[in-house]
Amino acid sequence: MADQDPAGISPLQQMVASGTGAVVTSLFMTPLDVVKVRLQSQRPSMASELMPSSRLWSLSYTKLPSSLQSTG
């Protein structure tokens, strides 16, 4: 290691780093994607069944701080 350039890494180190990153990403992201898809495929909540979607949007929009609401 002493004869290597301190700023660069070897091709073997690059392969190990990318392989480790891929494994870590798949271990964390796959379960989160499963949860996301299951939540999206559930029935809508009772609030959206009782109120039209345009009304829900206006309610959530009015709760925004005045600095974030459109002025036009």
N, C-alpha and C. Protein backbone atom coordinates (compact mmCIF):
# COMPACT_ATOMS: atom_id res chain seq x y z
N MET A 1 0.81 -1.19 0.00
CA MET A 1 0.00 0.00 0.00
C MET A 1 0.85 1.25 0.00
N ALA A 2 2.06 1.16 0.49
CA ALA A 2 2.91 2.34 0.58
C ALA A 2 3.32 2.84 -0.79
N ASP A 3 3.37 1.97 -1.81
CA ASP A 3 3.80 2.39 -3.13
C ASP A 3 2.65 2.91 -3.98
N GLN A 4 1.42 2.87 -3.48
CA GLN A 4 0.26 3.35 -4.25
C GLN A 4 0.10 4.85 -4.08
N ASP A 5 -0.54 5.44 -5.07
CA ASP A 5 -0.88 6.87 -5.00
C ASP A 5 -1.92 7.06 -3.90
N PRO A 6 -1.69 7.94 -2.93
CA PRO A 6 -2.63 8.10 -1.81
C PRO A 6 -4.00 8.63 -2.23
N ALA A 7 -4.09 9.29 -3.38
CA ALA A 7 -5.36 9.85 -3.81
C ALA A 7 -6.21 8.84 -4.56
N GLY A 8 -5.62 7.77 -5.10
CA GLY A 8 -6.37 6.83 -5.91
C GLY A 8 -6.58 5.51 -5.18
N ILE A 9 -7.54 4.74 -5.67
CA ILE A 9 -7.77 3.41 -5.11
C ILE A 9 -7.63 2.39 -6.23
N SER A 10 -7.29 1.19 -5.84
CA SER A 10 -7.04 0.15 -6.84
C SER A 10 -8.36 -0.35 -7.43
N PRO A 11 -8.29 -1.00 -8.59
CA PRO A 11 -9.51 -1.57 -9.19
C PRO A 11 -10.19 -2.58 -8.27
N LEU A 12 -9.41 -3.35 -7.52
CA LEU A 12 -10.00 -4.31 -6.58
C LEU A 12 -10.79 -3.58 -5.49
N GLN A 13 -10.23 -2.50 -4.98
CA GLN A 13 -10.93 -1.72 -3.96
C GLN A 13 -12.21 -1.10 -4.54
N GLN A 14 -12.16 -0.67 -5.78
CA GLN A 14 -13.36 -0.13 -6.42
C GLN A 14 -14.44 -1.20 -6.56
N MET A 15 -14.04 -2.41 -6.94
CA MET A 15 -15.01 -3.50 -7.08
C MET A 15 -15.63 -3.87 -5.74
N VAL A 16 -14.80 -3.95 -4.70
CA VAL A 16 -15.32 -4.29 -3.38
C VAL A 16 -16.26 -3.19 -2.88
N ALA A 17 -15.88 -1.94 -3.08
CA ALA A 17 -16.72 -0.83 -2.63
C ALA A 17 -18.06 -0.81 -3.37
N SER A 18 -18.03 -1.01 -4.68
CA SER A 18 -19.29 -0.98 -5.42
C SER A 18 -20.16 -2.19 -5.09
N GLY A 19 -19.55 -3.34 -4.89
CA GLY A 19 -20.32 -4.53 -4.50
C GLY A 19 -20.96 -4.36 -3.14
N THR A 20 -20.19 -3.80 -2.20
CA THR A 20 -20.73 -3.55 -0.86
C THR A 20 -21.86 -2.54 -0.91
N GLY A 21 -21.70 -1.50 -1.71
CA GLY A 21 -22.76 -0.50 -1.85
C GLY A 21 -24.02 -1.09 -2.44
N ALA A 22 -23.86 -1.98 -3.42
CA ALA A 22 -25.03 -2.61 -4.03
C ALA A 22 -25.78 -3.49 -3.04
N VAL A 23 -25.02 -4.25 -2.24
CA VAL A 23 -25.66 -5.13 -1.25
C VAL A 23 -26.38 -4.31 -0.19
N VAL A 24 -25.73 -3.28 0.32
CA VAL A 24 -26.35 -2.45 1.35
C VAL A 24 -27.60 -1.77 0.81
N THR A 25 -27.52 -1.27 -0.42
CA THR A 25 -28.69 -0.62 -1.03
C THR A 25 -29.84 -1.61 -1.19
N SER A 26 -29.54 -2.81 -1.64
CA SER A 26 -30.62 -3.78 -1.84
C SER A 26 -31.23 -4.22 -0.50
N LEU A 27 -30.42 -4.30 0.54
CA LEU A 27 -30.94 -4.70 1.84
C LEU A 27 -31.85 -3.65 2.46
N PHE A 28 -31.57 -2.38 2.18
CA PHE A 28 -32.38 -1.32 2.78
C PHE A 28 -33.51 -0.86 1.86
N MET A 29 -33.26 -0.78 0.58
CA MET A 29 -34.25 -0.21 -0.32
C MET A 29 -35.35 -1.18 -0.71
N THR A 30 -35.04 -2.45 -0.85
CA THR A 30 -36.07 -3.41 -1.25
C THR A 30 -37.20 -3.48 -0.22
N PRO A 31 -36.91 -3.61 1.08
CA PRO A 31 -38.03 -3.60 2.04
C PRO A 31 -38.81 -2.29 2.04
N LEU A 32 -38.13 -1.17 1.86
CA LEU A 32 -38.84 0.10 1.81
C LEU A 32 -39.73 0.20 0.57
N ASP A 33 -39.28 -0.32 -0.54
CA ASP A 33 -40.10 -0.33 -1.75
C ASP A 33 -41.32 -1.22 -1.57
N VAL A 34 -41.16 -2.34 -0.89
CA VAL A 34 -42.29 -3.23 -0.62
C VAL A 34 -43.33 -2.51 0.24
N VAL A 35 -42.87 -1.83 1.28
CA VAL A 35 -43.80 -1.09 2.14
C VAL A 35 -44.50 0.00 1.35
N LYS A 36 -43.77 0.72 0.51
CA LYS A 36 -44.36 1.79 -0.30
C LYS A 36 -45.45 1.24 -1.21
N VAL A 37 -45.17 0.15 -1.89
CA VAL A 37 -46.15 -0.43 -2.81
C VAL A 37 -47.37 -0.92 -2.06
N ARG A 38 -47.18 -1.54 -0.92
CA ARG A 38 -48.33 -2.03 -0.14
C ARG A 38 -49.17 -0.89 0.38
N LEU A 39 -48.53 0.21 0.80
CA LEU A 39 -49.30 1.36 1.25
C LEU A 39 -50.07 2.00 0.10
N GLN A 40 -49.46 2.05 -1.07
CA GLN A 40 -50.13 2.64 -2.22
C GLN A 40 -51.28 1.78 -2.71
N SER A 41 -51.22 0.49 -2.49
CA SER A 41 -52.27 -0.39 -3.00
C SER A 41 -53.43 -0.57 -2.02
N GLN A 42 -53.30 0.00 -0.82
CA GLN A 42 -54.39 -0.11 0.14
C GLN A 42 -55.56 0.75 -0.31
N ARG A 43 -56.71 0.44 0.27
CA ARG A 43 -57.90 1.25 -0.01
C ARG A 43 -57.67 2.67 0.49
N PRO A 44 -58.31 3.64 -0.12
CA PRO A 44 -58.18 5.02 0.37
C PRO A 44 -58.72 5.15 1.79
N SER A 45 -58.23 6.12 2.49
CA SER A 45 -58.67 6.31 3.87
C SER A 45 -60.12 6.78 3.90
N MET A 46 -60.71 6.73 5.06
CA MET A 46 -62.10 7.15 5.22
C MET A 46 -62.27 8.63 4.91
N ALA A 47 -61.28 9.45 5.19
CA ALA A 47 -61.39 10.88 4.94
C ALA A 47 -61.56 11.16 3.45
N SER A 48 -60.85 10.44 2.61
CA SER A 48 -60.99 10.69 1.18
C SER A 48 -62.29 10.12 0.63
N GLU A 49 -62.88 9.15 1.31
CA GLU A 49 -64.18 8.62 0.87
C GLU A 49 -65.31 9.58 1.24
N LEU A 50 -65.14 10.30 2.34
CA LEU A 50 -66.19 11.21 2.80
C LEU A 50 -66.12 12.56 2.13
N MET A 51 -64.94 12.95 1.64
CA MET A 51 -64.74 14.27 1.09
C MET A 51 -64.16 14.15 -0.32
N PRO A 52 -64.61 14.93 -1.26
CA PRO A 52 -64.02 14.88 -2.60
C PRO A 52 -62.55 15.29 -2.55
N SER A 53 -61.78 14.79 -3.49
CA SER A 53 -60.35 15.05 -3.48
C SER A 53 -60.03 16.53 -3.63
N SER A 54 -60.86 17.28 -4.35
CA SER A 54 -60.60 18.71 -4.50
C SER A 54 -60.74 19.41 -3.15
N ARG A 55 -61.66 18.93 -2.33
CA ARG A 55 -61.84 19.52 -1.01
C ARG A 55 -60.66 19.18 -0.11
N LEU A 56 -60.14 17.96 -0.22
CA LEU A 56 -58.97 17.58 0.57
C LEU A 56 -57.78 18.45 0.20
N TRP A 57 -57.62 18.72 -1.10
CA TRP A 57 -56.50 19.55 -1.51
C TRP A 57 -56.63 20.95 -0.94
N SER A 58 -57.81 21.51 -0.96
CA SER A 58 -57.96 22.87 -0.46
C SER A 58 -57.72 22.94 1.03
N LEU A 59 -58.10 21.88 1.75
CA LEU A 59 -57.83 21.87 3.19
C LEU A 59 -56.34 21.81 3.48
N SER A 60 -55.63 20.95 2.77
CA SER A 60 -54.20 20.84 3.02
C SER A 60 -53.47 22.09 2.54
N TYR A 61 -53.99 22.73 1.51
CA TYR A 61 -53.35 23.93 0.98
C TYR A 61 -53.51 25.09 1.95
N THR A 62 -54.65 25.20 2.60
CA THR A 62 -54.87 26.32 3.51
C THR A 62 -54.04 26.18 4.77
N LYS A 63 -53.54 24.99 5.08
CA LYS A 63 -52.72 24.81 6.27
C LYS A 63 -51.26 25.21 6.05
N LEU A 64 -50.89 25.53 4.79
CA LEU A 64 -49.53 25.95 4.51
C LEU A 64 -49.26 27.32 5.11
N PRO A 65 -48.04 27.57 5.53
CA PRO A 65 -47.70 28.91 6.00
C PRO A 65 -47.87 29.91 4.86
N SER A 66 -48.17 31.14 5.20
CA SER A 66 -48.44 32.15 4.18
C SER A 66 -47.24 32.37 3.27
N SER A 67 -46.05 32.12 3.76
CA SER A 67 -44.85 32.32 2.92
C SER A 67 -44.78 31.28 1.80
N LEU A 68 -45.46 30.13 1.93
CA LEU A 68 -45.41 29.09 0.92
C LEU A 68 -46.60 29.12 -0.04
N GLN A 69 -47.66 29.83 0.34
CA GLN A 69 -48.84 29.90 -0.52
C GLN A 69 -48.59 30.83 -1.69
N SER A 70 -49.25 30.54 -2.81
CA SER A 70 -49.04 31.37 -3.99
C SER A 70 -49.73 32.72 -3.78
N THR A 71 -49.16 33.73 -4.37
CA THR A 71 -49.72 35.07 -4.21
C THR A 71 -50.58 35.46 -5.41
N GLY A 72 -50.53 34.67 -6.48
CA GLY A 72 -51.27 35.04 -7.69
C GLY A 72 -52.55 34.36 -7.72
